[in-house]
Amino acid sequence: MPKIVDAEARRQEVVQAVFRIIASDGLERASLREVADEAGLAVGSVRHYFASSDDLLVFSFGTVIDRIAGRLESALAGVGQASAGSPEQDAAVLNLLGQFLPLDEDLAMDACVWMAFRHAARIKPVLAAEAERSHRTVAAVVGRLIMLLSPGEQDAQETLVTEAERLLATMDGLCMHALLQPEWMTAEMCSDVLTAHLRSLTAAPAAS
């Protein structure tokens, strides 16, 4: 009797092999053959689910975006449920921002893969659509966070956009620094920087 294979589970096994390769050796090594070897599968088995390396990379990029977006949306709900300006809200905001950063093994894997795909999209047109979706998805969450933290500035659109971009730039910089210099930019240091940035957001004067 032929073995029944869960197609979605097999795709995720292959994607996890892509992630491991990117984390250890970079995205350039993530060919169908290398991924098949990493996953312990025949190349033909991988081709059954992904016709080409490009198909595999696009699907993998989409997977990490969805994983990060799911965590961000869940964390954002926690911010909205907390009382404005309360210690509980501060903790919820720090939890949300921590989803961007390599603070544990799983988050580090996703952050590394996410950054690698975003950089690769600059020169790989096949990744451009997912890169745009990644930016819009994250920017939307950050924009909603800024609105929650700045209830008195709902009409100051320019101020809100500026603060959202400032926070996005801070998170990108922290993520890259933590990936490249983990001995210095530890989880504790990331938390300290995030706390300082949060204080600057909540202390910002209302727009006139």
C-alpha atoms as a PDB file:
ATOM      1  CA  MET A   1       0.000   0.000   0.000  1.00  0.00           C
ATOM      2  CA  PRO A   2       1.560   3.366  -1.004  1.00  0.00           C
ATOM      3  CA  LYS A   3       2.565   5.683   1.788  1.00  0.00           C
ATOM      4  CA  ILE A   4       0.251   8.699   2.196  1.00  0.00           C
ATOM      5  CA  VAL A   5       2.218  11.945   2.435  1.00  0.00           C
ATOM      6  CA  ASP A   6       0.781  15.125   3.967  1.00  0.00           C
ATOM      7  CA  ALA A   7       1.614  17.619   1.207  1.00  0.00           C
ATOM      8  CA  GLU A   8       1.528  20.688   3.440  1.00  0.00           C
ATOM      9  CA  ALA A   9       3.662  19.017   6.085  1.00  0.00           C
ATOM     10  CA  ARG A  10       6.199  18.005   3.431  1.00  0.00           C
ATOM     11  CA  ARG A  11       6.314  21.563   2.053  1.00  0.00           C
ATOM     12  CA  GLN A  12       7.020  22.851   5.536  1.00  0.00           C
ATOM     13  CA  GLU A  13       9.805  20.287   5.978  1.00  0.00           C
ATOM     14  CA  VAL A  14      11.379  21.567   2.775  1.00  0.00           C
ATOM     15  CA  VAL A  15      10.950  25.195   3.856  1.00  0.00           C
ATOM     16  CA  GLN A  16      12.605  24.459   7.190  1.00  0.00           C
ATOM     17  CA  ALA A  17      15.543  23.022   5.259  1.00  0.00           C
ATOM     18  CA  VAL A  18      15.700  26.288   3.280  1.00  0.00           C
ATOM     19  CA  PHE A  19      15.730  28.250   6.531  1.00  0.00           C
ATOM     20  CA  ARG A  20      18.552  26.154   7.994  1.00  0.00           C
ATOM     21  CA  ILE A  21      20.659  26.608   4.867  1.00  0.00           C
ATOM     22  CA  ILE A  22      20.097  30.371   4.830  1.00  0.00           C
ATOM     23  CA  ALA A  23      20.966  30.662   8.514  1.00  0.00           C
ATOM     24  CA  SER A  24      24.180  28.652   8.168  1.00  0.00           C
ATOM     25  CA  ASP A  25      25.441  29.406   4.655  1.00  0.00           C
ATOM     26  CA  GLY A  26      23.330  32.137   3.087  1.00  0.00           C
ATOM     27  CA  LEU A  27      20.516  32.269   0.591  1.00  0.00           C
ATOM     28  CA  GLU A  28      22.803  31.692  -2.410  1.00  0.00           C
ATOM     29  CA  ARG A  29      23.244  28.048  -1.411  1.00  0.00           C
ATOM     30  CA  ALA A  30      19.508  27.334  -1.297  1.00  0.00           C
ATOM     31  CA  SER A  31      19.247  25.447  -4.593  1.00  0.00           C
ATOM     32  CA  LEU A  32      16.827  22.573  -5.083  1.00  0.00           C
ATOM     33  CA  ARG A  33      19.634  20.025  -4.805  1.00  0.00           C
ATOM     34  CA  GLU A  34      21.126  21.547  -1.647  1.00  0.00           C
ATOM     35  CA  VAL A  35      17.695  21.860  -0.058  1.00  0.00           C
ATOM     36  CA  ALA A  36      16.824  18.279  -0.956  1.00  0.00           C
ATOM     37  CA  ASP A  37      20.048  17.063   0.655  1.00  0.00           C
ATOM     38  CA  GLU A  38      19.377  19.138   3.776  1.00  0.00           C
ATOM     39  CA  ALA A  39      15.822  17.801   4.019  1.00  0.00           C
ATOM     40  CA  GLY A  40      16.931  14.199   3.410  1.00  0.00           C
ATOM     41  CA  LEU A  41      14.857  13.941   0.237  1.00  0.00           C
ATOM     42  CA  ALA A  42      15.476  13.176  -3.414  1.00  0.00           C
ATOM     43  CA  VAL A  43      15.531  16.197  -5.734  1.00  0.00           C
ATOM     44  CA  GLY A  44      12.545  14.724  -7.531  1.00  0.00           C
ATOM     45  CA  SER A  45      10.567  14.736  -4.307  1.00  0.00           C
ATOM     46  CA  VAL A  46      11.250  18.447  -3.821  1.00  0.00           C
ATOM     47  CA  ARG A  47      10.331  19.148  -7.458  1.00  0.00           C
ATOM     48  CA  HIS A  48       6.994  17.464  -6.813  1.00  0.00           C
ATOM     49  CA  TYR A  49       6.105  20.429  -4.595  1.00  0.00           C
ATOM     50  CA  PHE A  50       8.268  23.190  -6.101  1.00  0.00           C
ATOM     51  CA  ALA A  51       8.928  23.338  -9.844  1.00  0.00           C
ATOM     52  CA  SER A  52      12.011  25.527  -9.533  1.00  0.00           C
ATOM     53  CA  SER A  53      14.367  27.161  -7.057  1.00  0.00           C
ATOM     54  CA  ASP A  54      12.514  30.436  -7.610  1.00  0.00           C
ATOM     55  CA  ASP A  55       9.191  28.834  -6.666  1.00  0.00           C
ATOM     56  CA  LEU A  56      10.773  27.421  -3.531  1.00  0.00           C
ATOM     57  CA  LEU A  57      12.332  30.741  -2.531  1.00  0.00           C
ATOM     58  CA  VAL A  58       9.127  32.718  -3.075  1.00  0.00           C
ATOM     59  CA  PHE A  59       7.138  30.210  -1.033  1.00  0.00           C
ATOM     60  CA  SER A  60       9.763  30.233   1.724  1.00  0.00           C
ATOM     61  CA  PHE A  61       9.815  34.041   1.827  1.00  0.00           C
ATOM     62  CA  GLY A  62       6.031  34.071   2.091  1.00  0.00           C
ATOM     63  CA  THR A  63       6.163  31.540   4.902  1.00  0.00           C
ATOM     64  CA  VAL A  64       8.489  33.589   7.078  1.00  0.00           C
ATOM     65  CA  ILE A  65       6.445  36.735   6.406  1.00  0.00           C
ATOM     66  CA  ASP A  66       3.268  34.952   7.499  1.00  0.00           C
ATOM     67  CA  ARG A  67       4.941  33.613  10.636  1.00  0.00           C
ATOM     68  CA  ILE A  68       6.215  37.025  11.682  1.00  0.00           C
ATOM     69  CA  ALA A  69       2.957  38.752  10.760  1.00  0.00           C
ATOM     70  CA  GLY A  70       0.965  36.254  12.798  1.00  0.00           C
ATOM     71  CA  ARG A  71       3.066  36.892  15.885  1.00  0.00           C
ATOM     72  CA  LEU A  72       2.847  40.664  15.401  1.00  0.00           C
ATOM     73  CA  GLU A  73      -0.943  40.642  15.038  1.00  0.00           C
ATOM     74  CA  SER A  74      -1.306  38.518  18.166  1.00  0.00           C
ATOM     75  CA  ALA A  75       1.020  40.803  20.116  1.00  0.00           C
ATOM     76  CA  LEU A  76      -0.755  43.937  18.834  1.00  0.00           C
ATOM     77  CA  ALA A  77      -4.046  42.630  20.216  1.00  0.00           C
ATOM     78  CA  GLY A  78      -2.388  42.493  23.625  1.00  0.00           C
ATOM     79  CA  VAL A  79      -1.358  46.140  23.345  1.00  0.00           C
ATOM     80  CA  GLY A  80      -4.894  47.170  22.482  1.00  0.00           C
ATOM     81  CA  GLN A  81      -6.361  45.271  25.435  1.00  0.00           C
ATOM     82  CA  ALA A  82      -4.113  46.988  27.996  1.00  0.00           C
ATOM     83  CA  SER A  83      -4.937  50.340  29.575  1.00  0.00           C
ATOM     84  CA  ALA A  84      -3.207  53.257  27.858  1.00  0.00           C
ATOM     85  CA  GLY A  85       0.018  54.248  29.591  1.00  0.00           C
ATOM     86  CA  SER A  86      -0.112  51.341  32.035  1.00  0.00           C
ATOM     87  CA  PRO A  87       2.830  49.062  32.894  1.00  0.00           C
ATOM     88  CA  GLU A  88       0.824  46.257  31.266  1.00  0.00           C
ATOM     89  CA  GLN A  89       0.699  48.186  28.007  1.00  0.00           C
ATOM     90  CA  ASP A  90       4.422  48.925  28.186  1.00  0.00           C
ATOM     91  CA  ALA A  91       5.112  45.206  28.616  1.00  0.00           C
ATOM     92  CA  ALA A  92       2.783  44.369  25.724  1.00  0.00           C
ATOM     93  CA  VAL A  93       4.545  46.883  23.464  1.00  0.00           C
ATOM     94  CA  LEU A  94       7.950  45.459  24.361  1.00  0.00           C
ATOM     95  CA  ASN A  95       6.624  41.976  23.630  1.00  0.00           C
ATOM     96  CA  LEU A  96       5.373  43.119  20.227  1.00  0.00           C
ATOM     97  CA  LEU A  97       8.633  44.826  19.282  1.00  0.00           C
ATOM     98  CA  GLY A  98      10.561  41.802  20.478  1.00  0.00           C
ATOM     99  CA  GLN A  99       8.884  39.731  17.744  1.00  0.00           C
ATOM    100  CA  PHE A 100      11.126  41.504  15.231  1.00  0.00           C
ATOM    101  CA  LEU A 101      14.335  40.576  17.000  1.00  0.00           C
ATOM    102  CA  PRO A 102      16.518  37.442  17.379  1.00  0.00           C
ATOM    103  CA  LEU A 103      15.837  37.119  21.103  1.00  0.00           C
ATOM    104  CA  ASP A 104      15.625  33.305  21.129  1.00  0.00           C
ATOM    105  CA  GLU A 105      16.484  30.460  18.774  1.00  0.00           C
ATOM    106  CA  ASP A 106      13.201  30.481  16.834  1.00  0.00           C
ATOM    107  CA  LEU A 107      13.051  34.265  16.536  1.00  0.00           C
ATOM    108  CA  ALA A 108      16.700  34.339  15.462  1.00  0.00           C
ATOM    109  CA  MET A 109      16.025  31.869  12.658  1.00  0.00           C
ATOM    110  CA  ASP A 110      13.071  33.870  11.373  1.00  0.00           C
ATOM    111  CA  ALA A 111      14.906  37.189  11.684  1.00  0.00           C
ATOM    112  CA  CYS A 112      17.929  35.864   9.791  1.00  0.00           C
ATOM    113  CA  VAL A 113      15.810  34.382   7.003  1.00  0.00           C
ATOM    114  CA  TRP A 114      13.567  37.456   6.788  1.00  0.00           C
ATOM    115  CA  MET A 115      16.534  39.817   6.497  1.00  0.00           C
ATOM    116  CA  ALA A 116      18.234  37.591   3.916  1.00  0.00           C
ATOM    117  CA  PHE A 117      15.162  37.530   1.685  1.00  0.00           C
ATOM    118  CA  ARG A 118      14.587  41.267   2.000  1.00  0.00           C
ATOM    119  CA  HIS A 119      18.153  42.014   0.939  1.00  0.00           C
ATOM    120  CA  ALA A 120      18.009  39.464  -1.890  1.00  0.00           C
ATOM    121  CA  ALA A 121      14.810  41.045  -3.245  1.00  0.00           C
ATOM    122  CA  ARG A 122      16.852  44.097  -4.250  1.00  0.00           C
ATOM    123  CA  ILE A 123      18.494  42.083  -7.038  1.00  0.00           C
ATOM    124  CA  LYS A 124      16.034  39.177  -7.479  1.00  0.00           C
ATOM    125  CA  PRO A 125      12.858  40.447  -9.180  1.00  0.00           C
ATOM    126  CA  VAL A 126      11.075  37.176  -8.435  1.00  0.00           C
ATOM    127  CA  LEU A 127      11.107  38.137  -4.733  1.00  0.00           C
ATOM    128  CA  ALA A 128       9.913  41.714  -5.255  1.00  0.00           C
ATOM    129  CA  ALA A 129       6.200  41.111  -4.683  1.00  0.00           C
ATOM    130  CA  GLU A 130       6.782  39.295  -1.402  1.00  0.00           C
ATOM    131  CA  ALA A 131       9.261  41.977  -0.309  1.00  0.00           C
ATOM    132  CA  GLU A 132       6.592  44.610  -0.917  1.00  0.00           C
ATOM    133  CA  ARG A 133       4.052  42.543   1.027  1.00  0.00           C
ATOM    134  CA  SER A 134       6.547  42.153   3.858  1.00  0.00           C
ATOM    135  CA  HIS A 135       7.083  45.891   4.110  1.00  0.00           C
ATOM    136  CA  ARG A 136       3.396  46.755   3.934  1.00  0.00           C
ATOM    137  CA  THR A 137       2.444  44.107   6.490  1.00  0.00           C
ATOM    138  CA  VAL A 138       5.017  45.197   9.050  1.00  0.00           C
ATOM    139  CA  ALA A 139       4.456  48.905   8.403  1.00  0.00           C
ATOM    140  CA  ALA A 140       0.722  48.461   8.951  1.00  0.00           C
ATOM    141  CA  VAL A 141       1.291  46.862  12.360  1.00  0.00           C
ATOM    142  CA  VAL A 142       3.786  49.538  13.375  1.00  0.00           C
ATOM    143  CA  GLY A 143       1.440  52.285  12.188  1.00  0.00           C
ATOM    144  CA  ARG A 144      -1.411  50.878  14.265  1.00  0.00           C
ATOM    145  CA  LEU A 145       0.922  50.608  17.257  1.00  0.00           C
ATOM    146  CA  ILE A 146       1.907  54.270  16.940  1.00  0.00           C
ATOM    147  CA  MET A 147      -1.767  55.252  16.798  1.00  0.00           C
ATOM    148  CA  LEU A 148      -2.439  53.284  19.994  1.00  0.00           C
ATOM    149  CA  LEU A 149       0.478  55.001  21.733  1.00  0.00           C
ATOM    150  CA  SER A 150      -0.410  58.495  20.450  1.00  0.00           C
ATOM    151  CA  PRO A 151      -4.181  58.827  20.920  1.00  0.00           C
ATOM    152  CA  GLY A 152      -3.936  62.622  21.090  1.00  0.00           C
ATOM    153  CA  GLU A 153      -2.365  62.863  17.658  1.00  0.00           C
ATOM    154  CA  GLN A 154      -4.983  61.105  15.539  1.00  0.00           C
ATOM    155  CA  ASP A 155      -5.241  64.110  13.220  1.00  0.00           C
ATOM    156  CA  ALA A 156      -1.486  64.703  12.980  1.00  0.00           C
ATOM    157  CA  GLN A 157      -0.935  62.321  10.071  1.00  0.00           C
ATOM    158  CA  GLU A 158       2.546  63.608   9.267  1.00  0.00           C
ATOM    159  CA  THR A 159       3.680  63.112  12.859  1.00  0.00           C
ATOM    160  CA  LEU A 160       2.277  59.591  12.985  1.00  0.00           C
ATOM    161  CA  VAL A 161       3.972  58.593   9.733  1.00  0.00           C
ATOM    162  CA  THR A 162       7.280  60.043  10.904  1.00  0.00           C
ATOM    163  CA  GLU A 163       7.115  58.172  14.207  1.00  0.00           C
ATOM    164  CA  ALA A 164       6.177  54.934  12.465  1.00  0.00           C
ATOM    165  CA  GLU A 165       9.144  55.257  10.105  1.00  0.00           C
ATOM    166  CA  ARG A 166      11.439  56.086  13.017  1.00  0.00           C
ATOM    167  CA  LEU A 167      10.329  52.961  14.836  1.00  0.00           C
ATOM    168  CA  LEU A 168      10.685  50.815  11.697  1.00  0.00           C
ATOM    169  CA  ALA A 169      14.229  52.113  11.197  1.00  0.00           C
ATOM    170  CA  THR A 170      15.048  51.417  14.853  1.00  0.00           C
ATOM    171  CA  MET A 171      13.757  47.856  14.603  1.00  0.00           C
ATOM    172  CA  ASP A 172      15.620  47.163  11.355  1.00  0.00           C
ATOM    173  CA  GLY A 173      18.844  48.493  12.858  1.00  0.00           C
ATOM    174  CA  LEU A 174      18.446  46.538  16.073  1.00  0.00           C
ATOM    175  CA  CYS A 175      17.657  43.336  14.194  1.00  0.00           C
ATOM    176  CA  MET A 176      20.677  43.662  11.936  1.00  0.00           C
ATOM    177  CA  HIS A 177      22.961  44.615  14.818  1.00  0.00           C
ATOM    178  CA  ALA A 178      21.751  41.699  16.943  1.00  0.00           C
ATOM    179  CA  LEU A 179      22.296  39.254  14.064  1.00  0.00           C
ATOM    180  CA  LEU A 180      25.773  40.549  13.229  1.00  0.00           C
ATOM    181  CA  GLN A 181      27.031  41.324  16.746  1.00  0.00           C
ATOM    182  CA  PRO A 182      25.163  38.971  19.101  1.00  0.00           C
ATOM    183  CA  GLU A 183      27.903  39.148  21.741  1.00  0.00           C
ATOM    184  CA  TRP A 184      27.279  42.896  22.106  1.00  0.00           C
ATOM    185  CA  MET A 185      23.637  43.353  21.128  1.00  0.00           C
ATOM    186  CA  THR A 186      22.241  40.817  23.569  1.00  0.00           C
ATOM    187  CA  ALA A 187      18.571  40.302  24.386  1.00  0.00           C
ATOM    188  CA  GLU A 188      19.074  42.480  27.475  1.00  0.00           C
ATOM    189  CA  MET A 189      20.641  45.271  25.414  1.00  0.00           C
ATOM    190  CA  CYS A 190      17.824  45.043  22.853  1.00  0.00           C
ATOM    191  CA  SER A 191      15.303  45.346  25.673  1.00  0.00           C
ATOM    192  CA  ASP A 192      17.092  48.424  27.047  1.00  0.00           C
ATOM    193  CA  VAL A 193      17.083  50.108  23.632  1.00  0.00           C
ATOM    194  CA  LEU A 194      13.418  49.271  23.070  1.00  0.00           C
ATOM    195  CA  THR A 195      12.503  50.625  26.500  1.00  0.00           C
ATOM    196  CA  ALA A 196      14.318  53.885  25.773  1.00  0.00           C
ATOM    197  CA  HIS A 197      12.594  54.196  22.413  1.00  0.00           C
ATOM    198  CA  LEU A 198       9.200  53.473  23.957  1.00  0.00           C
ATOM    199  CA  ARG A 199       9.769  56.245  26.505  1.00  0.00           C
ATOM    200  CA  SER A 200      10.611  58.670  23.714  1.00  0.00           C
ATOM    201  CA  LEU A 201       7.367  57.761  21.936  1.00  0.00           C
ATOM    202  CA  THR A 202       5.102  58.170  24.929  1.00  0.00           C
ATOM    203  CA  ALA A 203       6.874  61.347  26.065  1.00  0.00           C
ATOM    204  CA  ALA A 204       6.629  63.029  22.642  1.00  0.00           C
ATOM    205  CA  PRO A 205       4.604  66.253  22.855  1.00  0.00           C
ATOM    206  CA  ALA A 206       1.316  66.395  20.993  1.00  0.00           C
ATOM    207  CA  ALA A 207       1.376  68.109  17.616  1.00  0.00           C
ATOM    208  CA  SER A 208       0.164  71.685  17.650  1.00  0.00           C
END
